[in-house]
Amino acid sequence: MKLLLKWLLSAAALLFVAYIYSGVEVKSFPSALLAAFVIGLFNAILRPVLVVLTLPVTIVTVGLFLFVINALMFWAAASALDGFHVTGFGAALLGSLIYSALGVLIESALGGLFTKE
């Protein structure tokens, strides 16, 4: 139940990012659902590999390179899908920052709803 709700809220967050930032475009809610799924899939599979491969750069930049990796995952998802478009790397960076901030809020809210006692 929590996973399904997180997926729906992440798709809504992606629509919100597209609404407030013109560099990100999402055609419809089903496109946002698919994009949220693909972003989550890329973050679960590709991101850990990229983090390990770029560890020296991440250490030198004191962790700031992780923002670049997040932007690459966001941009890769937009490149792989039709209903989700990002205008460039700068837009992917800003869009991924907003989307990540909303993801933290979603995770925090869901953590409060689904606490195990």
PDB file of N, CA and C in Angstrom:
ATOM      1  N   MET A   1       0.827  -1.188   0.000  1.00  0.00           N
ATOM      2  CA  MET A   1       0.000   0.000   0.000  1.00  0.00           C
ATOM      3  C   MET A   1       0.878   1.261   0.000  1.00  0.00           C
ATOM      4  N   LYS A   2       1.921   1.247   0.835  1.00  0.00           N
ATOM      5  CA  LYS A   2       2.811   2.411   0.915  1.00  0.00           C
ATOM      6  C   LYS A   2       3.521   2.641  -0.418  1.00  0.00           C
ATOM      7  N   LEU A   3       3.957   1.564  -1.065  1.00  0.00           N
ATOM      8  CA  LEU A   3       4.661   1.693  -2.340  1.00  0.00           C
ATOM      9  C   LEU A   3       3.750   2.286  -3.415  1.00  0.00           C
ATOM     10  N   LEU A   4       2.517   1.836  -3.465  1.00  0.00           N
ATOM     11  CA  LEU A   4       1.561   2.348  -4.448  1.00  0.00           C
ATOM     12  C   LEU A   4       1.274   3.829  -4.206  1.00  0.00           C
ATOM     13  N   LEU A   5       1.072   4.197  -2.955  1.00  0.00           N
ATOM     14  CA  LEU A   5       0.814   5.588  -2.613  1.00  0.00           C
ATOM     15  C   LEU A   5       2.030   6.466  -2.922  1.00  0.00           C
ATOM     16  N   LYS A   6       3.220   5.954  -2.648  1.00  0.00           N
ATOM     17  CA  LYS A   6       4.443   6.709  -2.955  1.00  0.00           C
ATOM     18  C   LYS A   6       4.578   6.911  -4.461  1.00  0.00           C
ATOM     19  N   TRP A   7       4.229   5.902  -5.237  1.00  0.00           N
ATOM     20  CA  TRP A   7       4.300   5.997  -6.696  1.00  0.00           C
ATOM     21  C   TRP A   7       3.326   7.058  -7.216  1.00  0.00           C
ATOM     22  N   LEU A   8       2.098   7.041  -6.711  1.00  0.00           N
ATOM     23  CA  LEU A   8       1.101   8.019  -7.132  1.00  0.00           C
ATOM     24  C   LEU A   8       1.512   9.442  -6.742  1.00  0.00           C
ATOM     25  N   LEU A   9       2.008   9.589  -5.525  1.00  0.00           N
ATOM     26  CA  LEU A   9       2.442  10.911  -5.071  1.00  0.00           C
ATOM     27  C   LEU A   9       3.691  11.386  -5.817  1.00  0.00           C
ATOM     28  N   SER A  10       4.566  10.475  -6.188  1.00  0.00           N
ATOM     29  CA  SER A  10       5.751  10.838  -6.974  1.00  0.00           C
ATOM     30  C   SER A  10       5.347  11.307  -8.365  1.00  0.00           C
ATOM     31  N   ALA A  11       4.343  10.668  -8.951  1.00  0.00           N
ATOM     32  CA  ALA A  11       3.836  11.109 -10.255  1.00  0.00           C
ATOM     33  C   ALA A  11       3.207  12.494 -10.133  1.00  0.00           C
ATOM     34  N   ALA A  12       2.468  12.725  -9.055  1.00  0.00           N
ATOM     35  CA  ALA A  12       1.888  14.055  -8.816  1.00  0.00           C
ATOM     36  C   ALA A  12       2.997  15.086  -8.612  1.00  0.00           C
ATOM     37  N   ALA A  13       4.059  14.698  -7.920  1.00  0.00           N
ATOM     38  CA  ALA A  13       5.196  15.605  -7.715  1.00  0.00           C
ATOM     39  C   ALA A  13       5.856  15.943  -9.047  1.00  0.00           C
ATOM     40  N   LEU A  14       5.953  14.967  -9.938  1.00  0.00           N
ATOM     41  CA  LEU A  14       6.538  15.217 -11.254  1.00  0.00           C
ATOM     42  C   LEU A  14       5.668  16.183 -12.053  1.00  0.00           C
ATOM     43  N   LEU A  15       4.356  16.034 -11.957  1.00  0.00           N
ATOM     44  CA  LEU A  15       3.453  16.993 -12.608  1.00  0.00           C
ATOM     45  C   LEU A  15       3.620  18.385 -12.010  1.00  0.00           C
ATOM     46  N   PHE A  16       3.826  18.448 -10.695  1.00  0.00           N
ATOM     47  CA  PHE A  16       4.039  19.735 -10.040  1.00  0.00           C
ATOM     48  C   PHE A  16       5.336  20.380 -10.512  1.00  0.00           C
ATOM     49  N   VAL A  17       6.388  19.591 -10.661  1.00  0.00           N
ATOM     50  CA  VAL A  17       7.662  20.108 -11.177  1.00  0.00           C
ATOM     51  C   VAL A  17       7.453  20.688 -12.575  1.00  0.00           C
ATOM     52  N   ALA A  18       6.711  19.968 -13.414  1.00  0.00           N
ATOM     53  CA  ALA A  18       6.445  20.454 -14.771  1.00  0.00           C
ATOM     54  C   ALA A  18       5.589  21.723 -14.742  1.00  0.00           C
ATOM     55  N   TYR A  19       4.724  21.844 -13.745  1.00  0.00           N
ATOM     56  CA  TYR A  19       3.865  23.018 -13.634  1.00  0.00           C
ATOM     57  C   TYR A  19       4.648  24.259 -13.214  1.00  0.00           C
ATOM     58  N   ILE A  20       5.570  24.106 -12.278  1.00  0.00           N
ATOM     59  CA  ILE A  20       6.280  25.276 -11.767  1.00  0.00           C
ATOM     60  C   ILE A  20       7.563  25.596 -12.530  1.00  0.00           C
ATOM     61  N   TYR A  21       8.069  24.639 -13.317  1.00  0.00           N
ATOM     62  CA  TYR A  21       9.333  24.849 -14.028  1.00  0.00           C
ATOM     63  C   TYR A  21       9.148  24.501 -15.499  1.00  0.00           C
ATOM     64  N   SER A  22       9.400  25.461 -16.360  1.00  0.00           N
ATOM     65  CA  SER A  22       9.134  25.274 -17.790  1.00  0.00           C
ATOM     66  C   SER A  22      10.150  24.373 -18.492  1.00  0.00           C
ATOM     67  N   GLY A  23      11.248  24.045 -17.858  1.00  0.00           N
ATOM     68  CA  GLY A  23      12.241  23.176 -18.482  1.00  0.00           C
ATOM     69  C   GLY A  23      11.869  21.709 -18.463  1.00  0.00           C
ATOM     70  N   VAL A  24      10.823  21.372 -17.702  1.00  0.00           N
ATOM     71  CA  VAL A  24      10.335  19.991 -17.608  1.00  0.00           C
ATOM     72  C   VAL A  24       8.905  19.963 -18.120  1.00  0.00           C
ATOM     73  N   GLU A  25       8.624  19.023 -19.023  1.00  0.00           N
ATOM     74  CA  GLU A  25       7.279  18.895 -19.581  1.00  0.00           C
ATOM     75  C   GLU A  25       6.776  17.463 -19.386  1.00  0.00           C
ATOM     76  N   VAL A  26       5.542  17.352 -18.911  1.00  0.00           N
ATOM     77  CA  VAL A  26       4.880  16.061 -18.772  1.00  0.00           C
ATOM     78  C   VAL A  26       3.524  16.187 -19.446  1.00  0.00           C
ATOM     79  N   LYS A  27       3.198  15.292 -20.389  1.00  0.00           N
ATOM     80  CA  LYS A  27       1.974  15.409 -21.172  1.00  0.00           C
ATOM     81  C   LYS A  27       0.713  15.114 -20.372  1.00  0.00           C
ATOM     82  N   SER A  28       0.744  14.075 -19.528  1.00  0.00           N
ATOM     83  CA  SER A  28      -0.474  13.659 -18.834  1.00  0.00           C
ATOM     84  C   SER A  28      -0.108  12.913 -17.555  1.00  0.00           C
ATOM     85  N   PHE A  29      -1.140  12.609 -16.761  1.00  0.00           N
ATOM     86  CA  PHE A  29      -0.880  11.872 -15.532  1.00  0.00           C
ATOM     87  C   PHE A  29      -0.370  10.451 -15.808  1.00  0.00           C
ATOM     88  N   PRO A  30      -0.914   9.727 -16.803  1.00  0.00           N
ATOM     89  CA  PRO A  30      -0.314   8.415 -17.112  1.00  0.00           C
ATOM     90  C   PRO A  30       1.162   8.515 -17.526  1.00  0.00           C
ATOM     91  N   SER A  31       1.507   9.577 -18.246  1.00  0.00           N
ATOM     92  CA  SER A  31       2.920   9.785 -18.595  1.00  0.00           C
ATOM     93  C   SER A  31       3.744  10.046 -17.340  1.00  0.00           C
ATOM     94  N   ALA A  32       3.169  10.784 -16.392  1.00  0.00           N
ATOM     95  CA  ALA A  32       3.866  11.051 -15.132  1.00  0.00           C
ATOM     96  C   ALA A  32       4.028   9.770 -14.323  1.00  0.00           C
ATOM     97  N   LEU A  33       3.012   8.899 -14.341  1.00  0.00           N
ATOM     98  CA  LEU A  33       3.121   7.610 -13.642  1.00  0.00           C
ATOM     99  C   LEU A  33       4.262   6.777 -14.221  1.00  0.00           C
ATOM    100  N   LEU A  34       4.312   6.707 -15.548  1.00  0.00           N
ATOM    101  CA  LEU A  34       5.370   5.944 -16.204  1.00  0.00           C
ATOM    102  C   LEU A  34       6.740   6.567 -15.943  1.00  0.00           C
ATOM    103  N   ALA A  35       6.820   7.896 -15.993  1.00  0.00           N
ATOM    104  CA  ALA A  35       8.090   8.581 -15.750  1.00  0.00           C
ATOM    105  C   ALA A  35       8.555   8.375 -14.314  1.00  0.00           C
ATOM    106  N   ALA A  36       7.635   8.450 -13.349  1.00  0.00           N
ATOM    107  CA  ALA A  36       8.003   8.228 -11.946  1.00  0.00           C
ATOM    108  C   ALA A  36       8.506   6.797 -11.756  1.00  0.00           C
ATOM    109  N   PHE A  37       7.878   5.842 -12.439  1.00  0.00           N
ATOM    110  CA  PHE A  37       8.321   4.446 -12.359  1.00  0.00           C
ATOM    111  C   PHE A  37       9.724   4.287 -12.948  1.00  0.00           C
ATOM    112  N   VAL A  38       9.959   4.880 -14.108  1.00  0.00           N
ATOM    113  CA  VAL A  38      11.263   4.749 -14.767  1.00  0.00           C
ATOM    114  C   VAL A  38      12.353   5.465 -13.965  1.00  0.00           C
ATOM    115  N   ILE A  39      12.054   6.638 -13.422  1.00  0.00           N
ATOM    116  CA  ILE A  39      13.035   7.335 -12.588  1.00  0.00           C
ATOM    117  C   ILE A  39      13.374   6.484 -11.371  1.00  0.00           C
ATOM    118  N   GLY A  40      12.369   5.903 -10.745  1.00  0.00           N
ATOM    119  CA  GLY A  40      12.607   5.024  -9.598  1.00  0.00           C
ATOM    120  C   GLY A  40      13.419   3.802  -9.975  1.00  0.00           C
ATOM    121  N   LEU A  41      13.127   3.232 -11.137  1.00  0.00           N
ATOM    122  CA  LEU A  41      13.862   2.063 -11.619  1.00  0.00           C
ATOM    123  C   LEU A  41      15.325   2.415 -11.897  1.00  0.00           C
ATOM    124  N   PHE A  42      15.554   3.536 -12.573  1.00  0.00           N
ATOM    125  CA  PHE A  42      16.927   3.980 -12.841  1.00  0.00           C
ATOM    126  C   PHE A  42      17.670   4.260 -11.537  1.00  0.00           C
ATOM    127  N   ASN A  43      16.979   4.889 -10.576  1.00  0.00           N
ATOM    128  CA  ASN A  43      17.623   5.183  -9.296  1.00  0.00           C
ATOM    129  C   ASN A  43      17.937   3.917  -8.508  1.00  0.00           C
ATOM    130  N   ALA A  44      17.143   2.880  -8.690  1.00  0.00           N
ATOM    131  CA  ALA A  44      17.389   1.630  -7.972  1.00  0.00           C
ATOM    132  C   ALA A  44      18.471   0.780  -8.630  1.00  0.00           C
ATOM    133  N   ILE A  45      18.592   0.852  -9.951  1.00  0.00           N
ATOM    134  CA  ILE A  45      19.521  -0.032 -10.663  1.00  0.00           C
ATOM    135  C   ILE A  45      20.797   0.694 -11.104  1.00  0.00           C
ATOM    136  N   LEU A  46      20.659   1.808 -11.807  1.00  0.00           N
ATOM    137  CA  LEU A  46      21.821   2.486 -12.381  1.00  0.00           C
ATOM    138  C   LEU A  46      22.553   3.387 -11.384  1.00  0.00           C
ATOM    139  N   ARG A  47      21.820   4.065 -10.532  1.00  0.00           N
ATOM    140  CA  ARG A  47      22.435   5.042  -9.629  1.00  0.00           C
ATOM    141  C   ARG A  47      23.500   4.431  -8.720  1.00  0.00           C
ATOM    142  N   PRO A  48      23.262   3.273  -8.076  1.00  0.00           N
ATOM    143  CA  PRO A  48      24.323   2.711  -7.225  1.00  0.00           C
ATOM    144  C   PRO A  48      25.608   2.404  -8.000  1.00  0.00           C
ATOM    145  N   VAL A  49      25.465   1.945  -9.230  1.00  0.00           N
ATOM    146  CA  VAL A  49      26.644   1.651 -10.057  1.00  0.00           C
ATOM    147  C   VAL A  49      27.403   2.940 -10.358  1.00  0.00           C
ATOM    148  N   LEU A  50      26.663   3.986 -10.735  1.00  0.00           N
ATOM    149  CA  LEU A  50      27.310   5.265 -11.034  1.00  0.00           C
ATOM    150  C   LEU A  50      27.953   5.878  -9.796  1.00  0.00           C
ATOM    151  N   VAL A  51      27.327   5.723  -8.644  1.00  0.00           N
ATOM    152  CA  VAL A  51      27.905   6.263  -7.407  1.00  0.00           C
ATOM    153  C   VAL A  51      29.242   5.587  -7.104  1.00  0.00           C
ATOM    154  N   VAL A  52      29.300   4.279  -7.271  1.00  0.00           N
ATOM    155  CA  VAL A  52      30.550   3.561  -7.012  1.00  0.00           C
ATOM    156  C   VAL A  52      31.615   3.934  -8.043  1.00  0.00           C
ATOM    157  N   LEU A  53      31.223   4.014  -9.314  1.00  0.00           N
ATOM    158  CA  LEU A  53      32.197   4.342 -10.362  1.00  0.00           C
ATOM    159  C   LEU A  53      32.738   5.764 -10.241  1.00  0.00           C
ATOM    160  N   THR A  54      31.939   6.679  -9.718  1.00  0.00           N
ATOM    161  CA  THR A  54      32.370   8.075  -9.621  1.00  0.00           C
ATOM    162  C   THR A  54      32.752   8.467  -8.198  1.00  0.00           C
ATOM    163  N   LEU A  55      33.039   7.497  -7.366  1.00  0.00           N
ATOM    164  CA  LEU A  55      33.376   7.765  -5.973  1.00  0.00           C
ATOM    165  C   LEU A  55      34.548   8.740  -5.804  1.00  0.00           C
ATOM    166  N   PRO A  56      35.638   8.605  -6.564  1.00  0.00           N
ATOM    167  CA  PRO A  56      36.730   9.576  -6.403  1.00  0.00           C
ATOM    168  C   PRO A  56      36.289  11.026  -6.697  1.00  0.00           C
ATOM    169  N   VAL A  57      35.502  11.211  -7.749  1.00  0.00           N
ATOM    170  CA  VAL A  57      35.014  12.548  -8.089  1.00  0.00           C
ATOM    171  C   VAL A  57      34.066  13.051  -7.003  1.00  0.00           C
ATOM    172  N   THR A  58      33.239  12.172  -6.495  1.00  0.00           N
ATOM    173  CA  THR A  58      32.303  12.549  -5.432  1.00  0.00           C
ATOM    174  C   THR A  58      33.045  12.973  -4.170  1.00  0.00           C
ATOM    175  N   ILE A  59      34.118  12.277  -3.850  1.00  0.00           N
ATOM    176  CA  ILE A  59      34.913  12.633  -2.669  1.00  0.00           C
ATOM    177  C   ILE A  59      35.594  13.988  -2.872  1.00  0.00           C
ATOM    178  N   VAL A  60      36.164  14.210  -4.046  1.00  0.00           N
ATOM    179  CA  VAL A  60      36.848  15.471  -4.331  1.00  0.00           C
ATOM    180  C   VAL A  60      35.859  16.652  -4.294  1.00  0.00           C
ATOM    181  N   THR A  61      34.648  16.441  -4.765  1.00  0.00           N
ATOM    182  CA  THR A  61      33.648  17.521  -4.792  1.00  0.00           C
ATOM    183  C   THR A  61      32.811  17.559  -3.521  1.00  0.00           C
ATOM    184  N   VAL A  62      33.202  16.799  -2.514  1.00  0.00           N
ATOM    185  CA  VAL A  62      32.531  16.751  -1.217  1.00  0.00           C
ATOM    186  C   VAL A  62      31.052  16.390  -1.380  1.00  0.00           C
ATOM    187  N   GLY A  63      30.770  15.456  -2.272  1.00  0.00           N
ATOM    188  CA  GLY A  63      29.420  14.944  -2.445  1.00  0.00           C
ATOM    189  C   GLY A  63      28.561  15.705  -3.432  1.00  0.00           C
ATOM    190  N   LEU A  64      29.030  16.828  -3.936  1.00  0.00           N
ATOM    191  CA  LEU A  64      28.224  17.618  -4.864  1.00  0.00           C
ATOM    192  C   LEU A  64      28.011  16.923  -6.206  1.00  0.00           C
ATOM    193  N   PHE A  65      28.886  16.002  -6.549  1.00  0.00           N
ATOM    194  CA  PHE A  65      28.725  15.281  -7.815  1.00  0.00           C
ATOM    195  C   PHE A  65      27.492  14.385  -7.795  1.00  0.00           C
ATOM    196  N   LEU A  66      26.974  14.064  -6.620  1.00  0.00           N
ATOM    197  CA  LEU A  66      25.746  13.264  -6.532  1.00  0.00           C
ATOM    198  C   LEU A  66      24.561  13.995  -7.159  1.00  0.00           C
ATOM    199  N   PHE A  67      24.589  15.337  -7.129  1.00  0.00           N
ATOM    200  CA  PHE A  67      23.543  16.106  -7.810  1.00  0.00           C
ATOM    201  C   PHE A  67      23.605  15.881  -9.311  1.00  0.00           C
ATOM    202  N   VAL A  68      24.801  15.761  -9.843  1.00  0.00           N
ATOM    203  CA  VAL A  68      24.979  15.485 -11.270  1.00  0.00           C
ATOM    204  C   VAL A  68      24.430  14.103 -11.606  1.00  0.00           C
ATOM    205  N   ILE A  69      24.686  13.124 -10.757  1.00  0.00           N
ATOM    206  CA  ILE A  69      24.170  11.768 -10.988  1.00  0.00           C
ATOM    207  C   ILE A  69      22.641  11.776 -10.957  1.00  0.00           C
ATOM    208  N   ASN A  70      22.043  12.505 -10.000  1.00  0.00           N
ATOM    209  CA  ASN A  70      20.580  12.611  -9.953  1.00  0.00           C
ATOM    210  C   ASN A  70      20.039  13.245 -11.229  1.00  0.00           C
ATOM    211  N   ALA A  71      20.710  14.285 -11.700  1.00  0.00           N
ATOM    212  CA  ALA A  71      20.277  14.947 -12.932  1.00  0.00           C
ATOM    213  C   ALA A  71      20.383  13.995 -14.127  1.00  0.00           C
ATOM    214  N   LEU A  72      21.441  13.189 -14.162  1.00  0.00           N
ATOM    215  CA  LEU A  72      21.596  12.227 -15.257  1.00  0.00           C
ATOM    216  C   LEU A  72      20.483  11.181 -15.253  1.00  0.00           C
ATOM    217  N   MET A  73      20.064  10.729 -14.072  1.00  0.00           N
ATOM    218  CA  MET A  73      18.965   9.769 -13.975  1.00  0.00           C
ATOM    219  C   MET A  73      17.651  10.401 -14.453  1.00  0.00           C
ATOM    220  N   PHE A  74      17.432  11.649 -14.075  1.00  0.00           N
ATOM    221  CA  PHE A  74      16.241  12.394 -14.483  1.00  0.00           C
ATOM    222  C   PHE A  74      16.238  12.589 -15.996  1.00  0.00           C
ATOM    223  N   TRP A  75      17.374  12.982 -16.530  1.00  0.00           N
ATOM    224  CA  TRP A  75      17.522  13.230 -17.962  1.00  0.00           C
ATOM    225  C   TRP A  75      17.413  11.924 -18.762  1.00  0.00           C
ATOM    226  N   ALA A  76      17.978  10.854 -18.247  1.00  0.00           N
ATOM    227  CA  ALA A  76      17.901   9.560 -18.933  1.00  0.00           C
ATOM    228  C   ALA A  76      16.454   9.073 -19.009  1.00  0.00           C
ATOM    229  N   ALA A  77      15.711   9.262 -17.939  1.00  0.00           N
ATOM    230  CA  ALA A  77      14.295   8.866 -17.958  1.00  0.00           C
ATOM    231  C   ALA A  77      13.532   9.684 -18.988  1.00  0.00           C
ATOM    232  N   ALA A  78      13.821  10.975 -19.080  1.00  0.00           N
ATOM    233  CA  ALA A  78      13.155  11.825 -20.067  1.00  0.00           C
ATOM    234  C   ALA A  78      13.530  11.420 -21.491  1.00  0.00           C
ATOM    235  N   SER A  79      14.758  10.975 -21.677  1.00  0.00           N
ATOM    236  CA  SER A  79      15.194  10.540 -23.005  1.00  0.00           C
ATOM    237  C   SER A  79      14.553   9.224 -23.419  1.00  0.00           C
ATOM    238  N   ALA A  80      14.229   8.391 -22.438  1.00  0.00           N
ATOM    239  CA  ALA A  80      13.680   7.074 -22.740  1.00  0.00           C
ATOM    240  C   ALA A  80      12.165   7.080 -22.949  1.00  0.00           C
ATOM    241  N   LEU A  81      11.491   8.160 -22.567  1.00  0.00           N
ATOM    242  CA  LEU A  81      10.027   8.191 -22.611  1.00  0.00           C
ATOM    243  C   LEU A  81       9.520   9.261 -23.568  1.00  0.00           C
ATOM    244  N   ASP A  82       8.298   9.052 -24.076  1.00  0.00           N
ATOM    245  CA  ASP A  82       7.712  10.010 -25.007  1.00  0.00           C
ATOM    246  C   ASP A  82       6.965  11.145 -24.304  1.00  0.00           C
ATOM    247  N   GLY A  83       6.218  10.865 -23.252  1.00  0.00           N
ATOM    248  CA  GLY A  83       5.389  11.872 -22.616  1.00  0.00           C
ATOM    249  C   GLY A  83       6.095  12.717 -21.581  1.00  0.00           C
ATOM    250  N   PHE A  84       7.398  12.551 -21.443  1.00  0.00           N
ATOM    251  CA  PHE A  84       8.193  13.257 -20.439  1.00  0.00           C
ATOM    252  C   PHE A  84       9.404  13.850 -21.139  1.00  0.00           C
ATOM    253  N   HIS A  85       9.572  15.169 -21.035  1.00  0.00           N
ATOM    254  CA  HIS A  85      10.642  15.837 -21.766  1.00  0.00           C
ATOM    255  C   HIS A  85      11.360  16.835 -20.858  1.00  0.00           C
ATOM    256  N   VAL A  86      12.684  16.868 -20.964  1.00  0.00           N
ATOM    257  CA  VAL A  86      13.521  17.835 -20.251  1.00  0.00           C
ATOM    258  C   VAL A  86      14.345  18.554 -21.312  1.00  0.00           C
ATOM    259  N   THR A  87      14.407  19.897 -21.239  1.00  0.00           N
ATOM    260  CA  THR A  87      15.027  20.675 -22.315  1.00  0.00           C
ATOM    261  C   THR A  87      16.543  20.578 -22.381  1.00  0.00           C
ATOM    262  N   GLY A  88      17.215  20.221 -21.306  1.00  0.00           N
ATOM    263  CA  GLY A  88      18.670  20.113 -21.330  1.00  0.00           C
ATOM    264  C   GLY A  88      19.193  19.687 -19.977  1.00  0.00           C
ATOM    265  N   PHE A  89      20.530  19.658 -19.857  1.00  0.00           N
ATOM    266  CA  PHE A  89      21.110  19.197 -18.597  1.00  0.00           C
ATOM    267  C   PHE A  89      20.810  20.148 -17.443  1.00  0.00           C
ATOM    268  N   GLY A  90      20.852  21.446 -17.708  1.00  0.00           N
ATOM    269  CA  GLY A  90      20.531  22.421 -16.662  1.00  0.00           C
ATOM    270  C   GLY A  90      19.109  22.251 -16.161  1.00  0.00           C
ATOM    271  N   ALA A  91      18.192  22.019 -17.077  1.00  0.00           N
ATOM    272  CA  ALA A  91      16.802  21.780 -16.701  1.00  0.00           C
ATOM    273  C   ALA A  91      16.670  20.474 -15.930  1.00  0.00           C
ATOM    274  N   ALA A  92      17.448  19.477 -16.321  1.00  0.00           N
ATOM    275  CA  ALA A  92      17.421  18.195 -15.605  1.00  0.00           C
ATOM    276  C   ALA A  92      17.964  18.370 -14.195  1.00  0.00           C
ATOM    277  N   LEU A  93      19.000  19.189 -14.043  1.00  0.00           N
ATOM    278  CA  LEU A  93      19.573  19.427 -12.723  1.00  0.00           C
ATOM    279  C   LEU A  93      18.573  20.123 -11.807  1.00  0.00           C
ATOM    280  N   LEU A  94      17.973  21.205 -12.293  1.00  0.00           N
ATOM    281  CA  LEU A  94      17.003  21.925 -11.469  1.00  0.00           C
ATOM    282  C   LEU A  94      15.743  21.095 -11.243  1.00  0.00           C
ATOM    283  N   GLY A  95      15.268  20.423 -12.273  1.00  0.00           N
ATOM    284  CA  GLY A  95      14.090  19.574 -12.135  1.00  0.00           C
ATOM    285  C   GLY A  95      14.310  18.436 -11.154  1.00  0.00           C
ATOM    286  N   SER A  96      15.491  17.828 -11.196  1.00  0.00           N
ATOM    287  CA  SER A  96      15.775  16.727 -10.273  1.00  0.00           C
ATOM    288  C   SER A  96      15.916  17.226  -8.838  1.00  0.00           C
ATOM    289  N   LEU A  97      16.422  18.447  -8.662  1.00  0.00           N
ATOM    290  CA  LEU A  97      16.509  19.020  -7.316  1.00  0.00           C
ATOM    291  C   LEU A  97      15.119  19.245  -6.728  1.00  0.00           C
ATOM    292  N   ILE A  98      14.228  19.817  -7.524  1.00  0.00           N
ATOM    293  CA  ILE A  98      12.856  20.054  -7.059  1.00  0.00           C
ATOM    294  C   ILE A  98      12.157  18.724  -6.797  1.00  0.00           C
ATOM    295  N   TYR A  99      12.314  17.784  -7.727  1.00  0.00           N
ATOM    296  CA  TYR A  99      11.680  16.463  -7.591  1.00  0.00           C
ATOM    297  C   TYR A  99      12.216  15.717  -6.363  1.00  0.00           C
ATOM    298  N   SER A 100      13.498  15.827  -6.105  1.00  0.00           N
ATOM    299  CA  SER A 100      14.090  15.177  -4.933  1.00  0.00           C
ATOM    300  C   SER A 100      13.581  15.802  -3.640  1.00  0.00           C
ATOM    301  N   ALA A 101      13.460  17.129  -3.618  1.00  0.00           N
ATOM    302  CA  ALA A 101      12.929  17.802  -2.427  1.00  0.00           C
ATOM    303  C   ALA A 101      11.490  17.367  -2.160  1.00  0.00           C
ATOM    304  N   LEU A 102      10.705  17.266  -3.210  1.00  0.00           N
ATOM    305  CA  LEU A 102       9.331  16.788  -3.050  1.00  0.00           C
ATOM    306  C   LEU A 102       9.311  15.321  -2.615  1.00  0.00           C
ATOM    307  N   GLY A 103      10.261  14.543  -3.107  1.00  0.00           N
ATOM    308  CA  GLY A 103      10.362  13.137  -2.700  1.00  0.00           C
ATOM    309  C   GLY A 103      10.667  12.994  -1.219  1.00  0.00           C
ATOM    310  N   VAL A 104      11.506  13.871  -0.693  1.00  0.00           N
ATOM    311  CA  VAL A 104      11.806  13.859   0.743  1.00  0.00           C
ATOM    312  C   VAL A 104      10.547  14.173   1.540  1.00  0.00           C
ATOM    313  N   LEU A 105       9.775  15.156   1.071  1.00  0.00           N
ATOM    314  CA  LEU A 105       8.519  15.501   1.743  1.00  0.00           C
ATOM    315  C   LEU A 105       7.529  14.338   1.700  1.00  0.00           C
ATOM    316  N   ILE A 106       7.434  13.684   0.557  1.00  0.00           N
ATOM    317  CA  ILE A 106       6.534  12.538   0.406  1.00  0.00           C
ATOM    318  C   ILE A 106       6.958  11.411   1.343  1.00  0.00           C
ATOM    319  N   GLU A 107       8.236  11.113   1.364  1.00  0.00           N
ATOM    320  CA  GLU A 107       8.741  10.035   2.220  1.00  0.00           C
ATOM    321  C   GLU A 107       8.502  10.357   3.690  1.00  0.00           C
ATOM    322  N   SER A 108       8.681  11.601   4.060  1.00  0.00           N
ATOM    323  CA  SER A 108       8.446  12.017   5.436  1.00  0.00           C
ATOM    324  C   SER A 108       6.973  11.882   5.805  1.00  0.00           C
ATOM    325  N   ALA A 109       6.097  12.310   4.917  1.00  0.00           N
ATOM    326  CA  ALA A 109       4.662  12.217   5.180  1.00  0.00           C
ATOM    327  C   ALA A 109       4.217  10.764   5.249  1.00  0.00           C
ATOM    328  N   LEU A 110       4.711   9.935   4.357  1.00  0.00           N
ATOM    329  CA  LEU A 110       4.326   8.524   4.371  1.00  0.00           C
ATOM    330  C   LEU A 110       4.912   7.798   5.558  1.00  0.00           C
ATOM    331  N   GLY A 111       6.090   8.215   5.996  1.00  0.00           N
ATOM    332  CA  GLY A 111       6.679   7.625   7.193  1.00  0.00           C
ATOM    333  C   GLY A 111       5.820   7.861   8.414  1.00  0.00           C
ATOM    334  N   GLY A 112       5.205   9.042   8.484  1.00  0.00           N
ATOM    335  CA  GLY A 112       4.306   9.344   9.586  1.00  0.00           C
ATOM    336  C   GLY A 112       2.991   8.580   9.504  1.00  0.00           C
ATOM    337  N   LEU A 113       2.542   8.300   8.288  1.00  0.00           N
ATOM    338  CA  LEU A 113       1.281   7.560   8.112  1.00  0.00           C
ATOM    339  C   LEU A 113       1.425   6.068   8.375  1.00  0.00           C
ATOM    340  N   PHE A 114       2.534   5.523   7.945  1.00  0.00           N
ATOM    341  CA  PHE A 114       2.728   4.074   8.012  1.00  0.00           C
ATOM    342  C   PHE A 114       3.764   3.673   9.061  1.00  0.00           C
ATOM    343  N   THR A 115       3.661   4.209  10.244  1.00  0.00           N
ATOM    344  CA  THR A 115       4.596   3.828  11.304  1.00  0.00           C
ATOM    345  C   THR A 115       4.202   2.479  11.880  1.00  0.00           C
ATOM    346  N   LYS A 116       5.200   1.669  12.176  1.00  0.00           N
ATOM    347  CA  LYS A 116       4.953   0.365  12.793  1.00  0.00           C
ATOM    348  C   LYS A 116       5.063   0.508  14.300  1.00  0.00           C
ATOM    349  N   GLU A 117       4.030   0.080  14.989  1.00  0.00           N
ATOM    350  CA  GLU A 117       4.027   0.183  16.449  1.00  0.00           C
ATOM    351  C   GLU A 117       3.996  -1.165  17.088  1.00  0.00           C
TER     352      GLU A 117
END
